N, C-alpha and C. Protein backbone atom coordinates (compact mmCIF):
# COMPACT_ATOMS: atom_id res chain seq x y z
N ASP A 1 0.68 -1.21 0.03
CA ASP A 1 -0.05 0.13 0.02
C ASP A 1 0.85 1.25 0.06
N ILE A 2 0.68 2.10 -1.03
CA ILE A 2 1.62 3.39 -1.33
C ILE A 2 1.53 4.20 -0.12
N GLU A 3 0.18 4.36 0.61
CA GLU A 3 0.14 5.27 1.42
C GLU A 3 0.93 5.05 2.85
N GLN A 4 1.16 3.71 3.15
CA GLN A 4 1.86 3.37 4.16
C GLN A 4 3.38 3.70 4.06
N LEU A 5 3.82 3.95 2.94
CA LEU A 5 5.29 4.61 2.40
C LEU A 5 5.34 6.03 3.14
N TRP A 6 4.20 6.79 2.58
CA TRP A 6 4.34 8.22 2.90
C TRP A 6 3.53 9.07 3.80
N VAL A 7 2.96 8.08 4.46
CA VAL A 7 2.11 8.77 5.63
C VAL A 7 2.47 8.45 7.16
N GLN A 8 2.84 9.58 7.70
CA GLN A 8 3.46 9.37 8.75
C GLN A 8 2.69 8.74 10.21
N GLU A 9 3.45 7.71 10.70
CA GLU A 9 2.50 6.93 11.34
C GLU A 9 2.04 7.74 12.77
N GLY A 10 1.00 7.68 13.02
CA GLY A 10 0.14 8.61 14.11
C GLY A 10 0.11 10.21 13.62
N GLY A 11 0.49 10.58 12.56
CA GLY A 11 0.32 11.88 12.20
C GLY A 11 -0.91 12.14 11.94
N ARG A 12 -1.29 13.50 11.56
CA ARG A 12 -2.63 14.01 11.27
C ARG A 12 -3.35 13.31 9.95
N LEU A 13 -2.50 13.29 8.94
CA LEU A 13 -3.11 12.47 7.63
C LEU A 13 -3.76 11.21 8.12
N GLN A 14 -2.76 10.33 8.73
CA GLN A 14 -3.13 9.14 9.05
C GLN A 14 -4.52 9.02 9.91
N GLN A 15 -4.45 10.10 10.95
CA GLN A 15 -5.86 9.99 11.54
C GLN A 15 -6.87 10.47 10.76
N GLU A 16 -6.83 11.40 9.69
CA GLU A 16 -7.93 11.90 8.94
C GLU A 16 -8.41 10.53 7.97
N LEU A 17 -7.46 9.99 7.61
CA LEU A 17 -7.61 8.85 6.75
C LEU A 17 -8.58 7.75 7.41
N GLN A 18 -7.94 7.47 8.65
CA GLN A 18 -8.88 6.49 9.40
C GLN A 18 -10.20 6.92 9.83
N TYR A 19 -10.31 8.37 10.00
CA TYR A 19 -11.71 8.82 10.22
C TYR A 19 -12.51 8.69 9.01
N VAL A 20 -11.79 8.90 7.86
CA VAL A 20 -12.87 8.72 6.54
C VAL A 20 -13.16 7.37 6.48
N GLU A 21 -12.21 6.44 6.76
CA GLU A 21 -12.51 4.99 6.52
C GLU A 21 -13.62 4.54 7.53
N GLN A 22 -13.52 4.79 8.81
CA GLN A 22 -14.38 4.45 9.83
C GLN A 22 -15.97 5.18 9.49
N SER A 23 -15.96 6.13 9.10
CA SER A 23 -17.29 6.86 8.81
C SER A 23 -17.74 6.52 7.24
N LEU A 24 -17.25 6.24 6.43
CA LEU A 24 -17.65 5.91 4.95
C LEU A 24 -17.26 4.51 4.56
N GLY A 25 -16.44 3.83 5.32
CA GLY A 25 -16.05 2.43 4.69
C GLY A 25 -14.68 2.61 3.91
N LYS A 26 -14.05 1.31 3.94
CA LYS A 26 -12.86 1.21 3.22
C LYS A 26 -12.85 1.73 1.99
N GLY A 27 -11.85 2.29 1.51
CA GLY A 27 -11.94 2.91 0.01
C GLY A 27 -12.43 4.40 -0.14
N ALA A 28 -13.39 4.66 0.73
CA ALA A 28 -13.88 5.92 0.55
C ALA A 28 -12.97 7.22 0.59
N GLY A 29 -13.13 8.04 -0.01
CA GLY A 29 -12.22 9.25 -0.05
C GLY A 29 -10.83 9.06 -0.44
N SER A 30 -10.57 7.73 -0.93
CA SER A 30 -9.19 7.54 -1.28
C SER A 30 -9.16 7.69 -2.76
N THR A 31 -7.68 7.83 -3.09
CA THR A 31 -7.32 7.98 -4.56
C THR A 31 -5.98 7.31 -4.79
N LYS A 32 -5.70 7.01 -5.79
CA LYS A 32 -4.44 6.23 -6.06
C LYS A 32 -3.44 7.17 -7.10
N GLN A 33 -3.83 8.46 -7.19
CA GLN A 33 -3.28 9.51 -8.02
C GLN A 33 -2.24 10.04 -7.00
N LEU A 34 -0.93 9.82 -7.25
CA LEU A 34 0.09 10.48 -6.33
C LEU A 34 1.28 10.82 -7.21
N LEU A 35 1.72 12.16 -6.64
CA LEU A 35 2.98 12.63 -7.23
C LEU A 35 3.68 12.81 -5.86
N ILE A 36 5.18 12.16 -6.00
CA ILE A 36 5.97 12.21 -4.69
C ILE A 36 7.06 13.19 -5.25
N GLN A 37 7.29 14.21 -4.45
CA GLN A 37 8.81 14.86 -4.95
C GLN A 37 9.75 14.65 -3.90
N THR A 38 11.01 14.41 -4.56
CA THR A 38 12.26 14.31 -3.59
C THR A 38 13.23 15.10 -4.08
N ALA A 39 14.11 15.26 -3.03
CA ALA A 39 15.28 16.08 -3.36
C ALA A 39 15.99 15.82 -4.48
N LYS A 40 16.24 16.77 -5.41
CA LYS A 40 17.17 16.48 -6.60
C LYS A 40 18.51 16.31 -6.42
N ASP A 41 19.01 17.34 -5.27
CA ASP A 41 20.30 17.66 -5.16
C ASP A 41 21.01 16.46 -4.11
N ALA A 42 20.57 16.16 -3.02
CA ALA A 42 20.91 15.34 -1.89
C ALA A 42 19.98 14.89 -1.21
N PRO A 43 20.27 13.85 -0.46
CA PRO A 43 19.28 13.43 0.62
C PRO A 43 19.21 14.16 1.82
N GLY A 44 18.04 14.38 2.32
CA GLY A 44 17.96 15.08 3.26
C GLY A 44 17.88 16.74 3.21
N VAL A 45 17.73 17.00 2.26
CA VAL A 45 17.54 18.50 1.53
C VAL A 45 15.98 18.77 2.01
N ASN A 46 15.86 19.99 2.59
CA ASN A 46 14.50 20.50 2.88
C ASN A 46 13.84 20.97 1.68
N LEU A 47 12.67 20.08 1.48
CA LEU A 47 11.64 20.61 0.46
C LEU A 47 10.79 21.71 0.76
N LEU A 48 10.71 22.04 2.08
CA LEU A 48 9.78 23.06 2.46
C LEU A 48 10.39 24.46 2.35
N LYS A 49 10.88 24.69 1.36
CA LYS A 49 11.31 26.22 1.12
C LYS A 49 10.87 26.87 -0.29
N SER A 50 10.84 27.88 -0.39
CA SER A 50 10.07 28.28 -1.72
C SER A 50 10.31 27.98 -2.83
N SER A 51 11.39 27.82 -3.37
CA SER A 51 11.96 27.20 -4.47
C SER A 51 11.57 25.90 -4.79
N ALA A 52 11.65 25.03 -3.67
CA ALA A 52 11.05 23.46 -4.05
C ALA A 52 9.67 23.59 -3.95
N MET A 53 8.76 24.25 -3.32
CA MET A 53 7.54 24.65 -3.55
C MET A 53 6.84 24.98 -4.72
N LEU A 54 7.72 25.82 -5.29
CA LEU A 54 7.47 26.41 -6.78
C LEU A 54 7.65 25.43 -7.90
N THR A 55 8.74 24.46 -7.59
CA THR A 55 9.07 23.68 -8.40
C THR A 55 7.83 22.37 -8.40
N HIS A 56 7.29 22.14 -7.11
CA HIS A 56 6.36 21.30 -6.99
C HIS A 56 5.11 21.75 -7.84
N LEU A 57 4.80 23.01 -7.59
CA LEU A 57 3.65 23.89 -8.25
C LEU A 57 3.71 23.67 -9.90
N HIS A 58 5.05 23.57 -10.37
CA HIS A 58 5.19 23.65 -11.76
C HIS A 58 4.88 22.18 -12.43
N VAL A 59 5.55 21.30 -11.57
CA VAL A 59 5.42 19.85 -11.89
C VAL A 59 3.77 19.54 -11.79
N LEU A 60 3.00 19.74 -10.98
CA LEU A 60 1.81 19.46 -10.71
C LEU A 60 0.87 20.16 -11.99
N LYS A 61 1.29 21.44 -12.36
CA LYS A 61 0.51 22.05 -13.29
C LYS A 61 0.86 21.11 -14.76
N ALA A 62 2.21 20.81 -14.83
CA ALA A 62 2.50 20.08 -16.01
C ALA A 62 1.61 18.89 -16.27
N ALA A 63 1.69 18.22 -14.97
CA ALA A 63 0.89 16.86 -14.92
C ALA A 63 -0.52 17.08 -15.20
N ILE A 64 -1.10 18.14 -14.75
CA ILE A 64 -2.76 18.48 -15.06
C ILE A 64 -2.92 18.81 -16.59
N ASP A 65 -1.94 19.33 -17.24
CA ASP A 65 -2.02 19.61 -18.54
C ASP A 65 -1.72 18.47 -19.39
N VAL A 66 -1.26 17.30 -19.20
CA VAL A 66 -1.13 16.08 -19.77
C VAL A 66 -2.53 15.77 -20.59
N THR A 67 -2.44 15.32 -21.77
CA THR A 67 -3.58 15.03 -22.60
C THR A 67 -3.31 13.70 -23.35
N VAL A 68 -4.16 12.78 -23.34
CA VAL A 68 -3.91 11.58 -24.21
C VAL A 68 -5.06 11.29 -25.47
N ASP A 69 -4.70 11.26 -26.49
CA ASP A 69 -5.73 11.11 -27.63
C ASP A 69 -5.94 9.49 -28.00
N LEU A 70 -7.04 9.07 -27.73
CA LEU A 70 -7.47 7.69 -27.49
C LEU A 70 -8.90 7.47 -27.87
N TYR A 71 -9.12 6.50 -28.86
CA TYR A 71 -10.25 6.27 -29.45
C TYR A 71 -11.12 7.38 -29.99
N ASP A 72 -10.55 8.11 -30.64
CA ASP A 72 -11.22 9.51 -31.26
C ASP A 72 -11.57 10.47 -29.91
N THR A 73 -11.03 10.15 -28.99
CA THR A 73 -11.25 11.38 -27.72
C THR A 73 -9.77 11.76 -26.81
N THR A 74 -9.97 13.13 -26.71
CA THR A 74 -8.78 13.74 -25.93
C THR A 74 -9.05 13.59 -24.33
N TRP A 75 -8.26 12.78 -23.56
CA TRP A 75 -8.51 12.51 -22.41
C TRP A 75 -7.63 13.27 -21.37
N SER A 76 -7.75 13.72 -20.32
CA SER A 76 -6.97 14.78 -19.40
C SER A 76 -6.92 14.14 -18.14
N LEU A 77 -6.42 14.45 -17.18
CA LEU A 77 -6.15 13.97 -15.74
C LEU A 77 -7.87 14.46 -15.13
N SER A 78 -8.52 15.48 -15.54
CA SER A 78 -9.34 15.78 -15.05
C SER A 78 -10.67 14.66 -15.28
N ASP A 79 -10.44 13.89 -16.44
CA ASP A 79 -11.58 13.14 -16.71
C ASP A 79 -11.62 11.65 -15.86
N ILE A 80 -10.38 11.60 -15.09
CA ILE A 80 -10.08 10.35 -14.40
C ILE A 80 -10.03 10.68 -12.98
N CYS A 81 -9.84 11.83 -12.55
CA CYS A 81 -9.52 12.12 -11.21
C CYS A 81 -10.70 11.95 -10.28
N TYR A 82 -10.27 11.86 -9.02
CA TYR A 82 -11.33 11.90 -8.02
C TYR A 82 -11.76 13.36 -7.72
N ALA A 83 -12.90 13.73 -7.91
CA ALA A 83 -13.35 15.05 -7.45
C ALA A 83 -14.62 14.68 -6.50
N PRO A 84 -14.67 15.52 -5.56
CA PRO A 84 -15.97 15.57 -4.85
C PRO A 84 -17.40 15.73 -5.45
N THR A 85 -18.26 15.58 -5.04
CA THR A 85 -19.55 15.38 -5.75
C THR A 85 -20.52 16.84 -4.92
N PHE A 86 -21.16 17.35 -5.77
CA PHE A 86 -22.04 18.36 -5.53
C PHE A 86 -23.29 17.83 -5.58
N PRO A 87 -24.57 18.34 -4.85
CA PRO A 87 -25.71 17.61 -4.63
C PRO A 87 -26.20 17.97 -6.17
N GLU A 88 -27.23 17.08 -6.58
CA GLU A 88 -27.79 17.20 -7.94
C GLU A 88 -28.77 18.26 -8.14
N PHE A 89 -28.87 19.25 -9.21
CA PHE A 89 -29.64 20.10 -9.16
C PHE A 89 -30.79 19.85 -10.39
N GLU A 90 -32.05 20.31 -10.11
CA GLU A 90 -32.89 20.30 -11.15
C GLU A 90 -32.44 20.96 -12.53
N SER A 91 -32.11 22.39 -12.17
CA SER A 91 -31.34 23.29 -13.18
C SER A 91 -30.46 22.76 -13.79
N TYR A 92 -30.37 22.34 -15.15
CA TYR A 92 -29.30 21.90 -15.90
C TYR A 92 -28.09 23.00 -16.03
N SER A 93 -28.61 24.38 -16.13
CA SER A 93 -27.46 25.27 -16.37
C SER A 93 -26.68 25.42 -14.93
N ILE A 94 -27.44 25.25 -13.74
CA ILE A 94 -26.72 25.31 -12.45
C ILE A 94 -25.84 24.16 -12.44
N GLU A 95 -26.37 22.87 -12.75
CA GLU A 95 -25.57 21.63 -12.50
C GLU A 95 -24.34 21.74 -13.47
N GLN A 96 -24.42 22.33 -14.54
CA GLN A 96 -23.37 22.41 -15.58
C GLN A 96 -22.19 23.17 -15.22
N ILE A 97 -22.53 24.32 -14.48
CA ILE A 97 -21.51 25.37 -13.82
C ILE A 97 -20.86 24.45 -12.76
N PHE A 98 -21.51 23.82 -12.04
CA PHE A 98 -20.84 23.28 -10.71
C PHE A 98 -19.79 21.89 -11.20
N GLU A 99 -20.48 21.45 -12.38
CA GLU A 99 -19.62 20.25 -12.87
C GLU A 99 -18.32 20.85 -13.52
N ARG A 100 -18.31 21.95 -14.19
CA ARG A 100 -17.17 22.48 -14.67
C ARG A 100 -16.28 23.10 -13.75
N LEU A 101 -16.83 23.64 -12.73
CA LEU A 101 -16.06 24.16 -11.72
C LEU A 101 -15.38 23.27 -10.68
N ASN A 102 -15.94 22.03 -10.65
CA ASN A 102 -15.71 21.16 -9.57
C ASN A 102 -14.12 20.48 -9.73
N PRO A 103 -13.16 20.88 -8.74
CA PRO A 103 -11.82 20.51 -9.17
C PRO A 103 -11.53 18.97 -8.79
N CYS A 104 -10.38 18.37 -9.54
CA CYS A 104 -9.92 17.13 -9.07
C CYS A 104 -9.35 17.47 -7.40
N THR A 105 -9.27 16.29 -6.84
CA THR A 105 -8.94 16.51 -5.32
C THR A 105 -7.46 16.25 -5.51
N PHE A 106 -6.52 17.13 -5.04
CA PHE A 106 -5.24 16.86 -4.89
C PHE A 106 -5.02 17.07 -3.22
N ILE A 107 -3.93 16.39 -2.64
CA ILE A 107 -3.45 16.66 -1.55
C ILE A 107 -1.89 17.19 -1.50
N THR A 108 -1.65 18.13 -1.33
CA THR A 108 -0.17 18.60 -1.61
C THR A 108 0.05 19.67 -0.42
N PRO A 109 1.42 19.93 -0.27
CA PRO A 109 1.80 20.96 0.66
C PRO A 109 1.19 22.36 0.16
N LEU A 110 0.95 22.60 -1.23
CA LEU A 110 0.44 23.54 -1.60
C LEU A 110 -0.82 24.26 -1.05
N ASP A 111 -1.66 23.12 -0.49
CA ASP A 111 -2.91 23.56 0.13
C ASP A 111 -2.91 24.47 1.20
N CYS A 112 -1.73 24.93 1.54
CA CYS A 112 -1.59 25.71 2.65
C CYS A 112 -1.24 26.95 1.96
N PHE A 113 -1.16 27.23 0.87
CA PHE A 113 -0.92 28.48 0.31
C PHE A 113 -1.65 28.74 -0.78
N TRP A 114 -1.84 30.18 -1.37
CA TRP A 114 -2.63 30.57 -2.23
C TRP A 114 -2.27 30.09 -3.48
N GLU A 115 -1.03 29.77 -3.95
CA GLU A 115 -0.83 29.13 -5.13
C GLU A 115 -1.26 27.63 -5.27
N GLY A 116 -1.83 27.07 -4.24
CA GLY A 116 -2.43 25.49 -4.25
C GLY A 116 -3.83 25.99 -5.06
N SER A 117 -4.12 27.16 -5.06
CA SER A 117 -5.64 27.17 -5.56
C SER A 117 -5.43 27.30 -7.14
N LEU A 118 -4.20 27.47 -7.67
CA LEU A 118 -3.96 27.63 -9.11
C LEU A 118 -4.11 25.97 -9.62
N LEU A 119 -4.13 25.10 -8.91
CA LEU A 119 -4.04 23.73 -9.41
C LEU A 119 -5.74 23.45 -9.64
N LEU A 120 -6.69 24.03 -8.96
CA LEU A 120 -7.94 23.63 -8.96
C LEU A 120 -8.75 24.01 -10.19
N GLY A 121 -8.16 25.04 -10.90
CA GLY A 121 -9.24 25.32 -12.23
C GLY A 121 -10.24 25.94 -11.80
N PRO A 122 -11.19 25.88 -12.78
CA PRO A 122 -11.19 25.14 -14.14
C PRO A 122 -9.95 25.40 -15.01
N LYS A 123 -9.84 24.55 -16.07
CA LYS A 123 -9.01 24.84 -17.01
C LYS A 123 -9.36 26.35 -17.88
N PHE A 124 -10.62 26.33 -18.18
CA PHE A 124 -11.23 27.52 -19.01
C PHE A 124 -12.19 27.98 -17.74
N PRO A 125 -11.93 29.43 -17.62
CA PRO A 125 -12.71 30.19 -16.55
C PRO A 125 -14.18 30.22 -17.02
N LEU A 126 -15.01 30.28 -15.96
CA LEU A 126 -16.31 30.12 -16.33
C LEU A 126 -17.05 31.72 -16.20
N THR A 127 -18.10 31.73 -16.78
CA THR A 127 -18.91 32.86 -16.56
C THR A 127 -20.20 32.41 -15.59
N VAL A 128 -20.40 33.16 -14.68
CA VAL A 128 -21.54 32.41 -13.76
C VAL A 128 -22.34 33.63 -13.71
N PRO A 129 -23.75 33.64 -14.03
CA PRO A 129 -24.85 34.81 -13.95
C PRO A 129 -24.77 35.40 -12.43
N GLY A 130 -24.51 36.75 -12.48
CA GLY A 130 -24.49 37.45 -11.17
C GLY A 130 -23.18 37.46 -10.60
N LEU A 131 -22.24 36.73 -10.92
CA LEU A 131 -20.82 36.78 -10.61
C LEU A 131 -19.99 37.30 -11.50
N GLY A 132 -20.33 37.46 -12.65
CA GLY A 132 -19.21 37.58 -13.90
C GLY A 132 -18.64 36.59 -14.60
N SER A 133 -17.65 36.98 -15.39
CA SER A 133 -16.90 36.02 -16.05
C SER A 133 -15.45 35.81 -15.56
N GLY A 134 -14.73 34.96 -16.01
CA GLY A 134 -13.57 34.64 -15.57
C GLY A 134 -13.21 33.96 -14.18
N ILE A 135 -14.45 33.07 -13.78
CA ILE A 135 -14.66 32.53 -12.55
C ILE A 135 -13.74 31.39 -12.39
N ARG A 136 -12.76 31.34 -11.56
CA ARG A 136 -12.09 30.14 -11.18
C ARG A 136 -11.95 29.83 -9.62
N TRP A 137 -11.51 28.92 -9.06
CA TRP A 137 -11.56 28.65 -7.62
C TRP A 137 -10.53 29.58 -6.94
N SER A 138 -9.56 30.00 -7.70
CA SER A 138 -8.65 31.01 -7.10
C SER A 138 -9.33 32.33 -7.04
N ASN A 139 -10.12 32.77 -7.64
CA ASN A 139 -10.67 33.92 -7.41
C ASN A 139 -12.40 33.87 -7.07
N LEU A 140 -12.83 32.66 -6.75
CA LEU A 140 -14.11 32.75 -6.38
C LEU A 140 -14.22 32.89 -4.79
N ASN A 141 -15.08 33.66 -4.30
CA ASN A 141 -15.39 34.17 -3.09
C ASN A 141 -16.88 33.48 -2.67
N PRO A 142 -16.72 32.41 -1.66
CA PRO A 142 -18.01 31.75 -1.32
C PRO A 142 -18.63 32.67 -0.60
N SER A 143 -18.43 33.66 0.15
CA SER A 143 -19.38 34.46 0.89
C SER A 143 -20.04 35.43 -0.24
N LYS A 144 -19.63 35.74 -1.37
CA LYS A 144 -20.36 36.43 -2.25
C LYS A 144 -21.03 35.64 -3.07
N LEU A 145 -20.62 34.36 -3.27
CA LEU A 145 -21.60 33.46 -4.11
C LEU A 145 -22.74 33.42 -3.03
N ILE A 146 -22.85 33.03 -1.86
CA ILE A 146 -23.90 32.84 -0.71
C ILE A 146 -25.04 34.00 -0.96
N GLU A 147 -24.40 35.38 -1.05
CA GLU A 147 -25.10 36.44 -1.09
C GLU A 147 -26.07 36.62 -2.48
N LYS A 148 -25.27 35.94 -3.55
CA LYS A 148 -26.04 36.08 -4.73
C LYS A 148 -26.85 34.86 -4.98
N VAL A 149 -26.55 33.80 -4.27
CA VAL A 149 -27.85 32.58 -4.19
C VAL A 149 -28.90 33.10 -3.64
N ASP A 150 -28.54 33.72 -2.34
CA ASP A 150 -29.46 33.92 -1.43
C ASP A 150 -30.65 35.04 -2.10
N GLN A 151 -30.23 35.79 -3.16
CA GLN A 151 -31.07 36.85 -3.82
C GLN A 151 -31.89 36.22 -4.60
N PHE A 152 -31.98 35.12 -5.36
CA PHE A 152 -32.60 34.32 -5.99
C PHE A 152 -33.65 33.34 -5.33
N LYS A 153 -34.54 33.94 -4.70
CA LYS A 153 -35.33 32.81 -3.72
C LYS A 153 -36.18 31.83 -4.57
N GLY A 154 -36.17 32.11 -5.84
CA GLY A 154 -37.07 31.12 -6.71
C GLY A 154 -36.19 29.87 -6.85
N LEU A 155 -34.95 29.82 -6.44
CA LEU A 155 -33.89 28.72 -6.67
C LEU A 155 -34.45 27.64 -5.58
N ASN A 156 -35.18 27.88 -4.48
CA ASN A 156 -35.35 27.07 -3.61
C ASN A 156 -36.26 25.95 -4.09
N LYS A 157 -36.92 26.18 -5.10
CA LYS A 157 -37.78 25.21 -6.03
C LYS A 157 -36.85 24.19 -6.71
N MET A 158 -35.79 24.68 -7.16
CA MET A 158 -34.65 23.91 -7.90
C MET A 158 -33.77 22.73 -7.04
N PHE A 159 -33.47 23.32 -6.13
CA PHE A 159 -32.68 22.44 -5.11
C PHE A 159 -32.50 23.03 -3.73
N PRO A 160 -31.93 22.14 -2.97
CA PRO A 160 -32.12 22.49 -1.41
C PRO A 160 -31.10 23.42 -1.19
N MET A 161 -31.54 24.86 -1.00
CA MET A 161 -30.84 25.90 -0.89
C MET A 161 -29.84 25.76 0.60
N THR A 162 -30.64 25.45 1.56
CA THR A 162 -30.11 25.53 2.98
C THR A 162 -28.72 24.46 3.05
N SER A 163 -28.85 23.35 2.18
CA SER A 163 -27.77 22.27 2.44
C SER A 163 -26.54 22.84 1.31
N PHE A 164 -26.87 23.69 0.27
CA PHE A 164 -25.88 24.39 -0.64
C PHE A 164 -25.31 25.31 0.13
N ILE A 165 -25.81 26.35 0.85
CA ILE A 165 -25.22 27.30 1.42
C ILE A 165 -24.33 26.98 2.82
N ASP A 166 -24.82 25.57 3.32
CA ASP A 166 -24.00 25.06 4.39
C ASP A 166 -22.67 24.62 3.75
N PHE A 167 -22.78 24.05 2.54
CA PHE A 167 -21.59 23.59 1.78
C PHE A 167 -20.63 24.69 1.47
N LEU A 168 -21.29 25.81 1.05
CA LEU A 168 -20.49 26.93 0.70
C LEU A 168 -19.63 27.47 1.87
N LYS A 169 -20.37 27.35 2.92
CA LYS A 169 -19.83 28.06 4.42
C LYS A 169 -18.57 27.11 4.78
N ARG A 170 -18.85 25.88 4.68
CA ARG A 170 -17.58 24.97 4.99
C ARG A 170 -16.50 25.40 3.95
N ALA A 171 -16.57 25.82 2.82
CA ALA A 171 -15.62 26.17 1.91
C ALA A 171 -14.68 27.38 2.12
N GLU A 172 -15.42 27.86 3.04
CA GLU A 172 -14.80 29.46 3.51
C GLU A 172 -13.59 29.26 4.23
């Protein structure tokens, strides 16, 4: 099991993985997409410095941009990656916005920094009615989205607004 090689015994990640397994069952929330960065120069080099983190960012961006043409279809990582699911919506246009905005799940040291949001996409920015164009995870403001969604009182008929707003509040 590859996780046993790279997850610190007794560490926070191991505790979180155990919690997910206990709550949702074995295999839930897991993915076998893994990119491991090792020191290029010498063993024991600290990878938690800005130059190494920026290298990590560039390598991940390159991996995200890989495409494969097979069976008259162009495939990318976003076609096979693990991504969290949103609730289903009756409104097709809303469902399409969230489907295109929904990022692949990566666990990386970059999660702690704004640069980590650059990996989330979407590859092509979205236009979201009421929020404008050029929307990506790196510039999406969940509080502003909640305000806009709350203005459309008729949306309650299309999908459960309360659970959606709770979802966005957890993202803040």
